[in-house]
C-alpha cells in the first residue's frame, strides 16, 4: 500500500490483509515510497490517489523505471479523464474508485495479480468526455500502430517498421482496443476508415 494519507493507507492495508490469499508487506506513507517498494518486490502495489492524482502518477512512473514487472492498482476518489488515459498509457493493471466494496477490491487485486486488467464502470465515458472522435484519445505512436494494423501488418512487421519490441507492440494494441472499445483489429480498422483519418507512417 502506498498513499500519503496515513489513514487511507492503513485502512486499505487492513482491508486487504483480512482477505484470504493476500498478505500486506507494508503501508507506505512517507517520501521514498518507490525505493521502499523496489526493495520489498511485492507482487502487486496498491496506490491511493486523492483529489490530486499527480503524486500517484509520479509514483507509477518511478515504479515503472525501478520495478517494471510489478503489477499496479490505483484507487482513486474521482474518475478523471486524465487518470484513465494515464492508466491505459502506462499499462496499469487496475483502476478502482474509493467507493468500491471490500470484496470488489479483493477481486480486482486477484484479477490483476493474474495478469488481467480491471477498470471501473464508466471509464469509457470519462475517457471520451469532450471528444467527438474516439481516435482523438490515441497518442501519435498508437495512431502509427493502428494504421499499420489496419494495413494488415503482423505484430512483428509493426515492430520492425517502428523500431519497437514485440511486447511494446502488444502493449500498444491492447491500449488501442481499450480506448476504442473494440475487440479486434477489424473493428479498429473500421473506425479508422470511418474517420477518414489521413495519418500515414513511413514504410
Protein backbone atom coordinates (compact mmCIF):
# COMPACT_ATOMS: atom_id res chain seq x y z
CA UNK A 1 0.00 0.00 0.00
CA UNK A 2 1.28 3.47 -0.89
CA UNK A 3 -0.68 6.61 -0.02
CA UNK A 4 0.44 9.93 1.51
CA UNK A 5 -2.71 9.82 3.68
CA UNK A 6 -1.77 7.55 6.56
CA UNK A 7 -5.36 6.69 7.50
CA UNK A 8 -6.21 5.62 3.94
CA UNK A 9 -3.03 3.58 3.55
CA UNK A 10 -3.51 1.76 6.84
CA UNK A 11 -7.24 1.23 6.29
CA UNK A 12 -6.73 -0.26 2.83
CA UNK A 13 -3.87 -2.35 4.12
CA UNK A 14 -6.07 -3.74 6.92
CA UNK A 15 -8.93 -4.41 4.50
CA UNK A 16 -6.76 -6.28 2.02
CA UNK A 17 -4.82 -8.12 4.70
CA UNK A 18 -8.03 -9.64 6.05
CA UNK A 19 -8.81 -11.27 2.71
CA UNK A 20 -7.81 -14.87 2.19
CA UNK A 21 -4.84 -15.30 -0.11
CA UNK A 22 -3.39 -11.82 0.49
CA UNK A 23 -0.52 -10.64 2.64
CA UNK A 24 0.26 -6.94 3.01
CA UNK A 25 4.00 -6.30 3.20
CA UNK A 26 3.66 -2.68 4.24
CA UNK A 27 1.69 0.57 4.23
CA UNK A 28 3.99 3.31 2.96
CA UNK A 29 3.06 6.92 3.64
CA UNK A 30 6.39 8.75 3.63
CA UNK A 31 8.66 10.02 0.90
CA UNK A 32 10.83 7.40 -0.76
CA UNK A 33 7.92 5.07 -1.47
CA UNK A 34 9.39 3.92 -4.78
CA UNK A 35 12.66 2.91 -3.14
CA UNK A 36 10.89 1.03 -0.33
CA UNK A 37 8.64 -0.79 -2.78
CA UNK A 38 11.53 -1.75 -5.06
CA UNK A 39 13.32 -3.26 -2.07
CA UNK A 40 10.30 -5.32 -0.98
CA UNK A 41 9.48 -6.55 -4.51
CA UNK A 42 5.75 -7.21 -3.91
CA UNK A 43 3.51 -8.89 -6.49
CA UNK A 44 1.01 -6.01 -6.51
CA UNK A 45 1.29 -2.39 -5.40
CA UNK A 46 -1.88 -0.51 -4.44
CA UNK A 47 -1.51 3.25 -4.83
CA UNK A 48 -4.04 5.69 -3.42
CA UNK A 49 -4.87 8.79 -5.44
CA UNK A 50 -6.78 11.58 -3.70
CA UNK A 51 -8.21 14.75 -5.20
CA UNK A 52 -4.83 15.45 -6.83
CA UNK A 53 -3.68 12.35 -8.71
CA UNK A 54 -0.34 13.78 -9.85
CA UNK A 55 1.59 12.28 -6.93
CA UNK A 56 0.18 8.84 -7.72
CA UNK A 57 1.11 9.25 -11.39
CA UNK A 58 4.65 10.26 -10.48
CA UNK A 59 4.99 7.18 -8.25
CA UNK A 60 3.76 4.91 -11.05
CA UNK A 61 6.34 6.36 -13.44
CA UNK A 62 9.11 5.83 -10.91
CA UNK A 63 7.99 2.25 -10.24
CA UNK A 64 7.93 1.54 -13.97
CA UNK A 65 11.58 2.59 -14.03
CA UNK A 66 12.65 0.68 -10.92
CA UNK A 67 10.47 -2.45 -10.95
CA UNK A 68 8.85 -2.67 -14.40
CA UNK A 69 7.31 -6.10 -13.80
CA UNK A 70 5.33 -5.22 -10.66
CA UNK A 71 1.55 -5.05 -11.09
CA UNK A 72 -0.07 -1.78 -10.06
CA UNK A 73 -3.59 -0.89 -8.92
CA UNK A 74 -4.67 2.73 -8.38
CA UNK A 75 -7.52 3.54 -6.00
CA UNK A 76 -8.89 6.97 -6.90
CA UNK A 77 -11.51 9.24 -5.39
CA UNK A 78 -12.58 10.63 -8.77
CA UNK A 79 -12.72 9.06 -12.24
CA UNK A 80 -10.73 11.76 -14.02
CA UNK A 81 -10.26 11.53 -17.82
CA UNK A 82 -6.56 12.33 -17.41
CA UNK A 83 -6.15 9.50 -14.89
CA UNK A 84 -7.95 6.98 -17.11
CA UNK A 85 -5.74 7.99 -20.03
CA UNK A 86 -2.64 7.66 -17.84
CA UNK A 87 -3.67 4.18 -16.66
CA UNK A 88 -4.02 3.00 -20.26
CA UNK A 89 -0.78 4.62 -21.40
CA UNK A 90 1.26 3.18 -18.53
CA UNK A 91 -0.28 -0.28 -18.64
CA UNK A 92 -1.53 -0.02 -15.06
CA UNK A 93 -3.27 -3.29 -14.21
CA UNK A 94 -6.20 -1.88 -12.28
CA UNK A 95 -8.12 1.28 -11.52
CA UNK A 96 -10.66 1.31 -8.70
CA UNK A 97 -12.78 4.03 -7.15
CA UNK A 98 -12.60 4.54 -3.39
CA UNK A 99 -16.32 3.80 -3.02
CA UNK A 100 -15.75 0.16 -4.10
CA UNK A 101 -16.84 -2.57 -1.68
CA UNK A 102 -14.21 -4.66 0.11
CA UNK A 103 -14.94 -7.88 -1.83
CA UNK A 104 -14.68 -5.94 -5.10
CA UNK A 105 -11.23 -4.64 -4.12
CA UNK A 106 -10.05 -8.16 -3.32
CA UNK A 107 -11.46 -9.50 -6.61
CA UNK A 108 -9.72 -6.70 -8.53
CA UNK A 109 -6.37 -7.47 -6.92
CA UNK A 110 -6.78 -11.15 -7.72
CA UNK A 111 -7.51 -10.37 -11.38
CA UNK A 112 -4.54 -8.01 -11.64
CA UNK A 113 -2.20 -10.48 -9.93
CA UNK A 114 -3.12 -12.97 -12.68
CA UNK A 115 -2.46 -10.51 -15.49
CA UNK A 116 -6.00 -9.30 -16.18
CA UNK A 117 -6.81 -5.58 -16.39
CA UNK A 118 -9.62 -4.09 -14.30
CA UNK A 119 -11.28 -0.73 -14.94
CA UNK A 120 -14.34 0.81 -13.24
CA UNK A 121 -17.76 1.19 -14.81
CA UNK A 122 -17.97 4.40 -16.79
CA UNK A 123 -14.29 4.65 -17.72
CA UNK A 124 -15.08 4.84 -21.44
CA UNK A 125 -17.38 7.79 -20.87
CA UNK A 126 -14.77 9.57 -18.76
CA UNK A 127 -12.13 9.00 -21.41
CA UNK A 128 -14.28 10.25 -24.27
CA UNK A 129 -15.70 13.24 -22.38
CA UNK A 130 -15.43 16.25 -24.62
CA UNK A 131 -14.26 14.19 -27.60
CA UNK A 132 -16.36 13.53 -30.69
CA UNK A 133 -13.91 11.10 -32.27
CA UNK A 134 -12.59 8.16 -30.21
CA UNK A 135 -9.40 8.26 -32.27
CA UNK A 136 -8.61 11.59 -30.60
CA UNK A 137 -7.77 9.61 -27.46
CA UNK A 138 -4.86 7.83 -29.18
CA UNK A 139 -1.29 9.03 -28.93
CA UNK A 140 0.80 9.66 -32.03
CA UNK A 141 2.58 6.32 -31.57
CA UNK A 142 -0.71 4.48 -31.08
CA UNK A 143 -2.02 6.01 -34.32
CA UNK A 144 1.08 4.75 -36.13
CA UNK A 145 0.47 1.26 -34.77
CA UNK A 146 -3.23 1.42 -35.68
CA UNK A 147 -2.52 2.46 -39.27
CA UNK A 148 -0.11 -0.45 -39.75
CA UNK A 149 -2.55 -2.78 -38.01
CA UNK A 150 -5.31 -1.69 -40.39
CA UNK A 151 -2.93 -2.28 -43.32
CA UNK A 152 -2.77 -5.94 -42.29
CA UNK A 153 0.75 -5.90 -40.85
CA UNK A 154 1.63 -8.55 -38.29
CA UNK A 155 2.85 -7.53 -34.84
CA UNK A 156 6.38 -8.47 -35.89
CA UNK A 157 6.15 -6.28 -39.00
CA UNK A 158 4.82 -3.36 -36.97
CA UNK A 159 7.71 -3.70 -34.52
CA UNK A 160 10.26 -3.78 -37.33
CA UNK A 161 8.81 -0.73 -39.10
CA UNK A 162 8.50 1.37 -35.95
CA UNK A 163 11.72 0.05 -34.33
CA UNK A 164 9.95 -1.14 -31.19
CA UNK A 165 9.84 -4.55 -29.50
CA UNK A 166 7.12 -7.14 -29.97
CA UNK A 167 6.00 -6.68 -26.36
CA UNK A 168 5.70 -2.93 -26.91
CA UNK A 169 3.56 -3.55 -29.99
CA UNK A 170 1.28 -5.84 -27.99
CA UNK A 171 1.01 -3.25 -25.25
CA UNK A 172 0.03 -0.54 -27.75
CA UNK A 173 -2.53 -2.79 -29.45
CA UNK A 174 -4.14 -3.67 -26.12
CA UNK A 175 -4.33 0.01 -25.19
CA UNK A 176 -5.76 0.90 -28.62
CA UNK A 177 -8.50 -1.71 -28.31
CA UNK A 178 -9.39 -0.49 -24.80
CA UNK A 179 -9.51 3.15 -25.86
CA UNK A 180 -11.62 2.44 -28.95
CA UNK A 181 -13.83 -0.09 -27.11
CA UNK A 182 -13.18 -2.77 -29.75
CA UNK A 183 -12.04 -6.39 -29.52
CA UNK A 184 -10.09 -6.98 -32.72
CA UNK A 185 -8.12 -5.32 -35.50
CA UNK A 186 -11.03 -5.43 -37.96
CA UNK A 187 -13.23 -3.33 -35.69
CA UNK A 188 -10.36 -0.91 -35.05
CA UNK A 189 -9.66 -0.64 -38.78
CA UNK A 190 -13.33 0.14 -39.46
CA UNK A 191 -13.19 3.05 -37.01
CA UNK A 192 -10.06 4.33 -38.73
CA UNK A 193 -11.67 4.11 -42.17
CA UNK A 194 -14.89 5.72 -40.91
CA UNK A 195 -12.99 8.69 -39.54
CA UNK A 196 -11.28 9.26 -42.86
CA UNK A 197 -8.07 9.85 -40.96
CA UNK A 198 -5.15 10.90 -43.14
CA UNK A 199 -2.38 9.80 -40.79
CA UNK A 200 0.41 8.00 -42.63
CA UNK A 201 3.51 6.21 -41.49
CA UNK A 202 6.89 5.86 -43.13
CA UNK A 203 7.46 2.41 -44.66
